[in-house]
Amino acid sequence: EQLAATKAGRTQLRSRGSYLVLRELHAWEKDPEVLSACHKLIQVLIGDEPEAGMENLLEVTIPEELERRLRDADREEEEQRRKEREKEAEAS
């Protein structure tokens, strides 16, 4: 994900066919955490480039409300994965 933070890094990833590799990984990967990271990286690679001045995603200022919502979504996703792991453990 760090390489995808800069415009130059995203350009390199795209030019090397990384999206195709990630798409295949996403198709067969079973680990929910890996799938989540893969999905997020794919979204960065296929999305539009940020506007001028925002090319380095590590330096972008995120509004507090949006940052809170993103953290909440990450917590909910992690909680869902935890519940799924517990169900799998109970089933076995």
PDB file of N, CA and C in Angstrom:
ATOM      1  N   GLU A   1       0.808  -1.193   0.000  1.00  0.00           N
ATOM      2  CA  GLU A   1       0.000   0.000   0.000  1.00  0.00           C
ATOM      3  C   GLU A   1       0.857   1.265   0.000  1.00  0.00           C
ATOM      4  N   GLN A   2       2.029   1.209   0.590  1.00  0.00           N
ATOM      5  CA  GLN A   2       2.892   2.388   0.618  1.00  0.00           C
ATOM      6  C   GLN A   2       3.305   2.809  -0.780  1.00  0.00           C
ATOM      7  N   LEU A   3       3.591   1.842  -1.638  1.00  0.00           N
ATOM      8  CA  LEU A   3       3.989   2.165  -3.006  1.00  0.00           C
ATOM      9  C   LEU A   3       2.852   2.854  -3.751  1.00  0.00           C
ATOM     10  N   ALA A   4       1.616   2.499  -3.427  1.00  0.00           N
ATOM     11  CA  ALA A   4       0.456   3.091  -4.099  1.00  0.00           C
ATOM     12  C   ALA A   4       0.123   4.475  -3.549  1.00  0.00           C
ATOM     13  N   ALA A   5       0.847   4.937  -2.562  1.00  0.00           N
ATOM     14  CA  ALA A   5       0.549   6.239  -1.952  1.00  0.00           C
ATOM     15  C   ALA A   5       0.950   7.411  -2.847  1.00  0.00           C
ATOM     16  N   THR A   6       1.913   7.205  -3.720  1.00  0.00           N
ATOM     17  CA  THR A   6       2.369   8.308  -4.573  1.00  0.00           C
ATOM     18  C   THR A   6       1.962   8.064  -6.018  1.00  0.00           C
ATOM     19  N   LYS A   7       1.826   9.139  -6.754  1.00  0.00           N
ATOM     20  CA  LYS A   7       1.444   9.023  -8.165  1.00  0.00           C
ATOM     21  C   LYS A   7       2.473   8.192  -8.932  1.00  0.00           C
ATOM     22  N   ALA A   8       3.757   8.435  -8.668  1.00  0.00           N
ATOM     23  CA  ALA A   8       4.810   7.671  -9.356  1.00  0.00           C
ATOM     24  C   ALA A   8       4.698   6.185  -9.024  1.00  0.00           C
ATOM     25  N   GLY A   9       4.419   5.868  -7.783  1.00  0.00           N
ATOM     26  CA  GLY A   9       4.265   4.467  -7.379  1.00  0.00           C
ATOM     27  C   GLY A   9       3.067   3.814  -8.037  1.00  0.00           C
ATOM     28  N   ARG A  10       1.940   4.525  -8.068  1.00  0.00           N
ATOM     29  CA  ARG A  10       0.743   3.985  -8.719  1.00  0.00           C
ATOM     30  C   ARG A  10       0.987   3.763 -10.205  1.00  0.00           C
ATOM     31  N   THR A  11       1.699   4.697 -10.823  1.00  0.00           N
ATOM     32  CA  THR A  11       2.015   4.562 -12.247  1.00  0.00           C
ATOM     33  C   THR A  11       2.857   3.311 -12.480  1.00  0.00           C
ATOM     34  N   GLN A  12       3.855   3.097 -11.639  1.00  0.00           N
ATOM     35  CA  GLN A  12       4.697   1.899 -11.762  1.00  0.00           C
ATOM     36  C   GLN A  12       3.873   0.633 -11.579  1.00  0.00           C
ATOM     37  N   LEU A  13       3.024   0.605 -10.560  1.00  0.00           N
ATOM     38  CA  LEU A  13       2.195  -0.577 -10.316  1.00  0.00           C
ATOM     39  C   LEU A  13       1.295  -0.873 -11.511  1.00  0.00           C
ATOM     40  N   ARG A  14       0.683   0.162 -12.048  1.00  0.00           N
ATOM     41  CA  ARG A  14      -0.199  -0.039 -13.202  1.00  0.00           C
ATOM     42  C   ARG A  14       0.587  -0.517 -14.419  1.00  0.00           C
ATOM     43  N   SER A  15       1.745   0.090 -14.672  1.00  0.00           N
ATOM     44  CA  SER A  15       2.513  -0.252 -15.873  1.00  0.00           C
ATOM     45  C   SER A  15       3.089  -1.665 -15.824  1.00  0.00           C
ATOM     46  N   ARG A  16       3.203  -2.220 -14.650  1.00  0.00           N
ATOM     47  CA  ARG A  16       3.758  -3.571 -14.491  1.00  0.00           C
ATOM     48  C   ARG A  16       2.673  -4.648 -14.437  1.00  0.00           C
ATOM     49  N   GLY A  17       1.422  -4.258 -14.631  1.00  0.00           N
ATOM     50  CA  GLY A  17       0.340  -5.243 -14.634  1.00  0.00           C
ATOM     51  C   GLY A  17      -0.060  -5.726 -13.254  1.00  0.00           C
ATOM     52  N   SER A  18       0.213  -4.945 -12.237  1.00  0.00           N
ATOM     53  CA  SER A  18      -0.094  -5.363 -10.869  1.00  0.00           C
ATOM     54  C   SER A  18      -1.582  -5.597 -10.645  1.00  0.00           C
ATOM     55  N   TYR A  19      -2.416  -4.822 -11.328  1.00  0.00           N
ATOM     56  CA  TYR A  19      -3.858  -5.006 -11.165  1.00  0.00           C
ATOM     57  C   TYR A  19      -4.267  -6.430 -11.517  1.00  0.00           C
ATOM     58  N   LEU A  20      -3.712  -6.968 -12.601  1.00  0.00           N
ATOM     59  CA  LEU A  20      -4.065  -8.332 -13.014  1.00  0.00           C
ATOM     60  C   LEU A  20      -3.676  -9.355 -11.951  1.00  0.00           C
ATOM     61  N   VAL A  21      -2.523  -9.164 -11.354  1.00  0.00           N
ATOM     62  CA  VAL A  21      -2.066 -10.071 -10.294  1.00  0.00           C
ATOM     63  C   VAL A  21      -2.988  -9.956  -9.081  1.00  0.00           C
ATOM     64  N   LEU A  22      -3.317  -8.722  -8.708  1.00  0.00           N
ATOM     65  CA  LEU A  22      -4.201  -8.514  -7.562  1.00  0.00           C
ATOM     66  C   LEU A  22      -5.595  -9.080  -7.817  1.00  0.00           C
ATOM     67  N   ARG A  23      -6.076  -8.941  -9.041  1.00  0.00           N
ATOM     68  CA  ARG A  23      -7.394  -9.480  -9.386  1.00  0.00           C
ATOM     69  C   ARG A  23      -7.399 -10.999  -9.220  1.00  0.00           C
ATOM     70  N   GLU A  24      -6.340 -11.658  -9.662  1.00  0.00           N
ATOM     71  CA  GLU A  24      -6.253 -13.112  -9.511  1.00  0.00           C
ATOM     72  C   GLU A  24      -6.116 -13.508  -8.043  1.00  0.00           C
ATOM     73  N   LEU A  25      -5.301 -12.759  -7.309  1.00  0.00           N
ATOM     74  CA  LEU A  25      -5.167 -13.028  -5.874  1.00  0.00           C
ATOM     75  C   LEU A  25      -6.524 -12.909  -5.196  1.00  0.00           C
ATOM     76  N   HIS A  26      -7.260 -11.869  -5.526  1.00  0.00           N
ATOM     77  CA  HIS A  26      -8.573 -11.645  -4.933  1.00  0.00           C
ATOM     78  C   HIS A  26      -9.532 -12.789  -5.261  1.00  0.00           C
ATOM     79  N   ALA A  27      -9.358 -13.415  -6.420  1.00  0.00           N
ATOM     80  CA  ALA A  27     -10.245 -14.498  -6.848  1.00  0.00           C
ATOM     81  C   ALA A  27     -10.065 -15.771  -6.031  1.00  0.00           C
ATOM     82  N   TRP A  28      -8.851 -16.042  -5.539  1.00  0.00           N
ATOM     83  CA  TRP A  28      -8.652 -17.310  -4.832  1.00  0.00           C
ATOM     84  C   TRP A  28      -8.258 -17.173  -3.370  1.00  0.00           C
ATOM     85  N   GLU A  29      -7.899 -16.001  -2.924  1.00  0.00           N
ATOM     86  CA  GLU A  29      -7.474 -15.804  -1.535  1.00  0.00           C
ATOM     87  C   GLU A  29      -8.637 -16.059  -0.579  1.00  0.00           C
ATOM     88  N   LYS A  30      -8.369 -16.714   0.529  1.00  0.00           N
ATOM     89  CA  LYS A  30      -9.399 -17.032   1.525  1.00  0.00           C
ATOM     90  C   LYS A  30      -9.299 -16.165   2.776  1.00  0.00           C
ATOM     91  N   ASP A  31      -8.125 -15.657   3.087  1.00  0.00           N
ATOM     92  CA  ASP A  31      -7.929 -14.878   4.306  1.00  0.00           C
ATOM     93  C   ASP A  31      -8.652 -13.532   4.172  1.00  0.00           C
ATOM     94  N   PRO A  32      -9.633 -13.265   5.042  1.00  0.00           N
ATOM     95  CA  PRO A  32     -10.411 -12.023   4.934  1.00  0.00           C
ATOM     96  C   PRO A  32      -9.572 -10.752   5.048  1.00  0.00           C
ATOM     97  N   GLU A  33      -8.529 -10.790   5.846  1.00  0.00           N
ATOM     98  CA  GLU A  33      -7.688  -9.595   5.989  1.00  0.00           C
ATOM     99  C   GLU A  33      -6.897  -9.324   4.709  1.00  0.00           C
ATOM    100  N   VAL A  34      -6.399 -10.373   4.084  1.00  0.00           N
ATOM    101  CA  VAL A  34      -5.675 -10.220   2.823  1.00  0.00           C
ATOM    102  C   VAL A  34      -6.639  -9.749   1.737  1.00  0.00           C
ATOM    103  N   LEU A  35      -7.844 -10.327   1.723  1.00  0.00           N
ATOM    104  CA  LEU A  35      -8.855  -9.911   0.750  1.00  0.00           C
ATOM    105  C   LEU A  35      -9.202  -8.435   0.900  1.00  0.00           C
ATOM    106  N   SER A  36      -9.334  -7.990   2.128  1.00  0.00           N
ATOM    107  CA  SER A  36      -9.660  -6.590   2.383  1.00  0.00           C
ATOM    108  C   SER A  36      -8.552  -5.668   1.884  1.00  0.00           C
ATOM    109  N   ALA A  37      -7.313  -5.992   2.206  1.00  0.00           N
ATOM    110  CA  ALA A  37      -6.185  -5.176   1.750  1.00  0.00           C
ATOM    111  C   ALA A  37      -6.088  -5.193   0.226  1.00  0.00           C
ATOM    112  N   CYS A  38      -6.312  -6.351  -0.363  1.00  0.00           N
ATOM    113  CA  CYS A  38      -6.266  -6.489  -1.818  1.00  0.00           C
ATOM    114  C   CYS A  38      -7.354  -5.625  -2.458  1.00  0.00           C
ATOM    115  N   HIS A  39      -8.546  -5.684  -1.917  1.00  0.00           N
ATOM    116  CA  HIS A  39      -9.666  -4.897  -2.448  1.00  0.00           C
ATOM    117  C   HIS A  39      -9.366  -3.399  -2.373  1.00  0.00           C
ATOM    118  N   LYS A  40      -8.830  -2.954  -1.251  1.00  0.00           N
ATOM    119  CA  LYS A  40      -8.518  -1.532  -1.090  1.00  0.00           C
ATOM    120  C   LYS A  40      -7.441  -1.082  -2.079  1.00  0.00           C
ATOM    121  N   LEU A  41      -6.437  -1.912  -2.278  1.00  0.00           N
ATOM    122  CA  LEU A  41      -5.372  -1.564  -3.218  1.00  0.00           C
ATOM    123  C   LEU A  41      -5.898  -1.545  -4.654  1.00  0.00           C
ATOM    124  N   ILE A  42      -6.752  -2.487  -4.981  1.00  0.00           N
ATOM    125  CA  ILE A  42      -7.356  -2.498  -6.314  1.00  0.00           C
ATOM    126  C   ILE A  42      -8.136  -1.209  -6.537  1.00  0.00           C
ATOM    127  N   GLN A  43      -8.874  -0.765  -5.536  1.00  0.00           N
ATOM    128  CA  GLN A  43      -9.649   0.467  -5.670  1.00  0.00           C
ATOM    129  C   GLN A  43      -8.748   1.666  -5.939  1.00  0.00           C
ATOM    130  N   VAL A  44      -7.594   1.698  -5.292  1.00  0.00           N
ATOM    131  CA  VAL A  44      -6.645   2.794  -5.525  1.00  0.00           C
ATOM    132  C   VAL A  44      -6.112   2.732  -6.952  1.00  0.00           C
ATOM    133  N   LEU A  45      -5.799   1.535  -7.430  1.00  0.00           N
ATOM    134  CA  LEU A  45      -5.209   1.393  -8.755  1.00  0.00           C
ATOM    135  C   LEU A  45      -6.203   1.661  -9.887  1.00  0.00           C
ATOM    136  N   ILE A  46      -7.465   1.309  -9.702  1.00  0.00           N
ATOM    137  CA  ILE A  46      -8.423   1.505 -10.786  1.00  0.00           C
ATOM    138  C   ILE A  46      -9.150   2.845 -10.682  1.00  0.00           C
ATOM    139  N   GLY A  47      -8.994   3.510  -9.551  1.00  0.00           N
ATOM    140  CA  GLY A  47      -9.673   4.786  -9.371  1.00  0.00           C
ATOM    141  C   GLY A  47      -9.005   5.911 -10.145  1.00  0.00           C
ATOM    142  N   ASP A  48      -9.715   7.016 -10.249  1.00  0.00           N
ATOM    143  CA  ASP A  48      -9.156   8.206 -10.886  1.00  0.00           C
ATOM    144  C   ASP A  48      -8.012   8.745 -10.035  1.00  0.00           C
ATOM    145  N   GLU A  49      -7.059   9.367 -10.707  1.00  0.00           N
ATOM    146  CA  GLU A  49      -5.957  10.000  -9.985  1.00  0.00           C
ATOM    147  C   GLU A  49      -6.489  11.206  -9.216  1.00  0.00           C
ATOM    148  N   PRO A  50      -5.963  11.411  -8.010  1.00  0.00           N
ATOM    149  CA  PRO A  50      -6.377  12.579  -7.226  1.00  0.00           C
ATOM    150  C   PRO A  50      -6.021  13.877  -7.948  1.00  0.00           C
ATOM    151  N   GLU A  51      -6.713  14.932  -7.569  1.00  0.00           N
ATOM    152  CA  GLU A  51      -6.469  16.229  -8.193  1.00  0.00           C
ATOM    153  C   GLU A  51      -5.080  16.745  -7.837  1.00  0.00           C
ATOM    154  N   ALA A  52      -4.650  17.761  -8.554  1.00  0.00           N
ATOM    155  CA  ALA A  52      -3.324  18.361  -8.335  1.00  0.00           C
ATOM    156  C   ALA A  52      -3.163  18.756  -6.871  1.00  0.00           C
ATOM    157  N   GLY A  53      -1.997  18.479  -6.346  1.00  0.00           N
ATOM    158  CA  GLY A  53      -1.702  18.799  -4.955  1.00  0.00           C
ATOM    159  C   GLY A  53      -2.035  17.665  -3.997  1.00  0.00           C
ATOM    160  N   MET A  54      -2.688  16.627  -4.500  1.00  0.00           N
ATOM    161  CA  MET A  54      -3.071  15.501  -3.642  1.00  0.00           C
ATOM    162  C   MET A  54      -2.485  14.191  -4.148  1.00  0.00           C
ATOM    163  N   GLU A  55      -1.452  14.284  -4.972  1.00  0.00           N
ATOM    164  CA  GLU A  55      -0.880  13.094  -5.590  1.00  0.00           C
ATOM    165  C   GLU A  55      -0.289  12.123  -4.581  1.00  0.00           C
ATOM    166  N   ASN A  56       0.260  12.651  -3.470  1.00  0.00           N
ATOM    167  CA  ASN A  56       0.820  11.793  -2.427  1.00  0.00           C
ATOM    168  C   ASN A  56      -0.254  11.582  -1.370  1.00  0.00           C
ATOM    169  N   LEU A  57      -0.843  10.406  -1.360  1.00  0.00           N
ATOM    170  CA  LEU A  57      -1.955  10.123  -0.457  1.00  0.00           C
ATOM    171  C   LEU A  57      -1.552  10.122   1.006  1.00  0.00           C
ATOM    172  N   LEU A  58      -0.258   9.965   1.277  1.00  0.00           N
ATOM    173  CA  LEU A  58       0.207   9.994   2.666  1.00  0.00           C
ATOM    174  C   LEU A  58       0.213  11.408   3.233  1.00  0.00           C
ATOM    175  N   GLU A  59       0.169  12.397   2.360  1.00  0.00           N
ATOM    176  CA  GLU A  59       0.223  13.788   2.798  1.00  0.00           C
ATOM    177  C   GLU A  59      -1.131  14.496   2.722  1.00  0.00           C
ATOM    178  N   VAL A  60      -2.172  13.771   2.338  1.00  0.00           N
ATOM    179  CA  VAL A  60      -3.504  14.368   2.205  1.00  0.00           C
ATOM    180  C   VAL A  60      -4.128  14.523   3.581  1.00  0.00           C
ATOM    181  N   THR A  61      -4.687  15.689   3.845  1.00  0.00           N
ATOM    182  CA  THR A  61      -5.391  15.925   5.097  1.00  0.00           C
ATOM    183  C   THR A  61      -6.827  15.425   4.950  1.00  0.00           C
ATOM    184  N   ILE A  62      -7.202  14.517   5.832  1.00  0.00           N
ATOM    185  CA  ILE A  62      -8.543  13.940   5.791  1.00  0.00           C
ATOM    186  C   ILE A  62      -9.391  14.637   6.850  1.00  0.00           C
ATOM    187  N   PRO A  63     -10.558  15.128   6.471  1.00  0.00           N
ATOM    188  CA  PRO A  63     -11.435  15.767   7.458  1.00  0.00           C
ATOM    189  C   PRO A  63     -11.746  14.813   8.615  1.00  0.00           C
ATOM    190  N   GLU A  64     -11.848  15.361   9.828  1.00  0.00           N
ATOM    191  CA  GLU A  64     -12.050  14.533  11.022  1.00  0.00           C
ATOM    192  C   GLU A  64     -13.248  13.607  10.900  1.00  0.00           C
ATOM    193  N   GLU A  65     -14.372  14.123  10.405  1.00  0.00           N
ATOM    194  CA  GLU A  65     -15.587  13.313  10.293  1.00  0.00           C
ATOM    195  C   GLU A  65     -15.374  12.130   9.350  1.00  0.00           C
ATOM    196  N   LEU A  66     -14.734  12.354   8.232  1.00  0.00           N
ATOM    197  CA  LEU A  66     -14.462  11.270   7.291  1.00  0.00           C
ATOM    198  C   LEU A  66     -13.494  10.265   7.905  1.00  0.00           C
ATOM    199  N   GLU A  67     -12.471  10.755   8.583  1.00  0.00           N
ATOM    200  CA  GLU A  67     -11.513   9.857   9.234  1.00  0.00           C
ATOM    201  C   GLU A  67     -12.214   8.990  10.280  1.00  0.00           C
ATOM    202  N   ARG A  68     -13.128   9.576  11.035  1.00  0.00           N
ATOM    203  CA  ARG A  68     -13.877   8.829  12.042  1.00  0.00           C
ATOM    204  C   ARG A  68     -14.731   7.748  11.377  1.00  0.00           C
ATOM    205  N   ARG A  69     -15.399   8.111  10.275  1.00  0.00           N
ATOM    206  CA  ARG A  69     -16.243   7.134   9.580  1.00  0.00           C
ATOM    207  C   ARG A  69     -15.403   5.996   9.005  1.00  0.00           C
ATOM    208  N   LEU A  70     -14.236   6.320   8.478  1.00  0.00           N
ATOM    209  CA  LEU A  70     -13.354   5.275   7.949  1.00  0.00           C
ATOM    210  C   LEU A  70     -12.861   4.348   9.051  1.00  0.00           C
ATOM    211  N   ARG A  71     -12.497   4.927  10.204  1.00  0.00           N
ATOM    212  CA  ARG A  71     -12.074   4.092  11.344  1.00  0.00           C
ATOM    213  C   ARG A  71     -13.215   3.202  11.812  1.00  0.00           C
ATOM    214  N   ASP A  72     -14.433   3.762  11.873  1.00  0.00           N
ATOM    215  CA  ASP A  72     -15.602   2.978  12.281  1.00  0.00           C
ATOM    216  C   ASP A  72     -15.833   1.825  11.306  1.00  0.00           C
ATOM    217  N   ALA A  73     -15.725   2.104  10.015  1.00  0.00           N
ATOM    218  CA  ALA A  73     -15.917   1.061   9.008  1.00  0.00           C
ATOM    219  C   ALA A  73     -14.859  -0.027   9.155  1.00  0.00           C
ATOM    220  N   ASP A  74     -13.619   0.359   9.427  1.00  0.00           N
ATOM    221  CA  ASP A  74     -12.553  -0.633   9.634  1.00  0.00           C
ATOM    222  C   ASP A  74     -12.846  -1.485  10.870  1.00  0.00           C
ATOM    223  N   ARG A  75     -13.312  -0.836  11.944  1.00  0.00           N
ATOM    224  CA  ARG A  75     -13.642  -1.590  13.162  1.00  0.00           C
ATOM    225  C   ARG A  75     -14.794  -2.559  12.904  1.00  0.00           C
ATOM    226  N   GLU A  76     -15.800  -2.112  12.165  1.00  0.00           N
ATOM    227  CA  GLU A  76     -16.930  -2.990  11.854  1.00  0.00           C
ATOM    228  C   GLU A  76     -16.480  -4.173  11.003  1.00  0.00           C
ATOM    229  N   GLU A  77     -15.615  -3.909  10.046  1.00  0.00           N
ATOM    230  CA  GLU A  77     -15.091  -4.983   9.202  1.00  0.00           C
ATOM    231  C   GLU A  77     -14.306  -5.983  10.036  1.00  0.00           C
ATOM    232  N   GLU A  78     -13.477  -5.493  10.933  1.00  0.00           N
ATOM    233  CA  GLU A  78     -12.692  -6.382  11.798  1.00  0.00           C
ATOM    234  C   GLU A  78     -13.603  -7.173  12.726  1.00  0.00           C
ATOM    235  N   GLU A  79     -14.635  -6.553  13.259  1.00  0.00           N
ATOM    236  CA  GLU A  79     -15.590  -7.242  14.124  1.00  0.00           C
ATOM    237  C   GLU A  79     -16.307  -8.350  13.352  1.00  0.00           C
ATOM    238  N   GLN A  80     -16.683  -8.071  12.119  1.00  0.00           N
ATOM    239  CA  GLN A  80     -17.331  -9.084  11.283  1.00  0.00           C
ATOM    240  C   GLN A  80     -16.389 -10.252  11.036  1.00  0.00           C
ATOM    241  N   ARG A  81     -15.120  -9.975  10.766  1.00  0.00           N
ATOM    242  CA  ARG A  81     -14.139 -11.055  10.568  1.00  0.00           C
ATOM    243  C   ARG A  81     -13.971 -11.873  11.839  1.00  0.00           C
ATOM    244  N   ARG A  82     -13.949 -11.187  12.992  1.00  0.00           N
ATOM    245  CA  ARG A  82     -13.808 -11.888  14.268  1.00  0.00           C
ATOM    246  C   ARG A  82     -14.987 -12.830  14.488  1.00  0.00           C
ATOM    247  N   LYS A  83     -16.203 -12.361  14.216  1.00  0.00           N
ATOM    248  CA  LYS A  83     -17.394 -13.192  14.383  1.00  0.00           C
ATOM    249  C   LYS A  83     -17.352 -14.390  13.444  1.00  0.00           C
ATOM    250  N   GLU A  84     -16.900 -14.174  12.216  1.00  0.00           N
ATOM    251  CA  GLU A  84     -16.801 -15.278  11.266  1.00  0.00           C
ATOM    252  C   GLU A  84     -15.782 -16.309  11.720  1.00  0.00           C
ATOM    253  N   ARG A  85     -14.647 -15.836  12.267  1.00  0.00           N
ATOM    254  CA  ARG A  85     -13.644 -16.776  12.782  1.00  0.00           C
ATOM    255  C   ARG A  85     -14.210 -17.587  13.946  1.00  0.00           C
ATOM    256  N   GLU A  86     -14.977 -16.927  14.824  1.00  0.00           N
ATOM    257  CA  GLU A  86     -15.580 -17.627  15.966  1.00  0.00           C
ATOM    258  C   GLU A  86     -16.576 -18.692  15.493  1.00  0.00           C
ATOM    259  N   LYS A  87     -17.374 -18.348  14.472  1.00  0.00           N
ATOM    260  CA  LYS A  87     -18.334 -19.320  13.943  1.00  0.00           C
ATOM    261  C   LYS A  87     -17.597 -20.522  13.350  1.00  0.00           C
ATOM    262  N   GLU A  88     -16.517 -20.249  12.622  1.00  0.00           N
ATOM    263  CA  GLU A  88     -15.740 -21.340  12.027  1.00  0.00           C
ATOM    264  C   GLU A  88     -15.127 -22.215  13.110  1.00  0.00           C
ATOM    265  N   ALA A  89     -14.645 -21.594  14.188  1.00  0.00           N
ATOM    266  CA  ALA A  89     -14.046 -22.346  15.281  1.00  0.00           C
ATOM    267  C   ALA A  89     -15.090 -23.218  15.990  1.00  0.00           C
ATOM    268  N   GLU A  90     -16.294 -22.685  16.154  1.00  0.00           N
ATOM    269  CA  GLU A  90     -17.368 -23.451  16.787  1.00  0.00           C
ATOM    270  C   GLU A  90     -17.815 -24.622  15.919  1.00  0.00           C
ATOM    271  N   ALA A  91     -17.787 -24.426  14.614  1.00  0.00           N
ATOM    272  CA  ALA A  91     -18.226 -25.470  13.684  1.00  0.00           C
ATOM    273  C   ALA A  91     -17.242 -26.631  13.598  1.00  0.00           C
ATOM    274  N   SER A  92     -15.989 -26.363  13.918  1.00  0.00           N
ATOM    275  CA  SER A  92     -14.988 -27.427  13.783  1.00  0.00           C
ATOM    276  C   SER A  92     -14.716 -28.154  15.051  1.00  0.00           C
TER     277      SER A  92
END
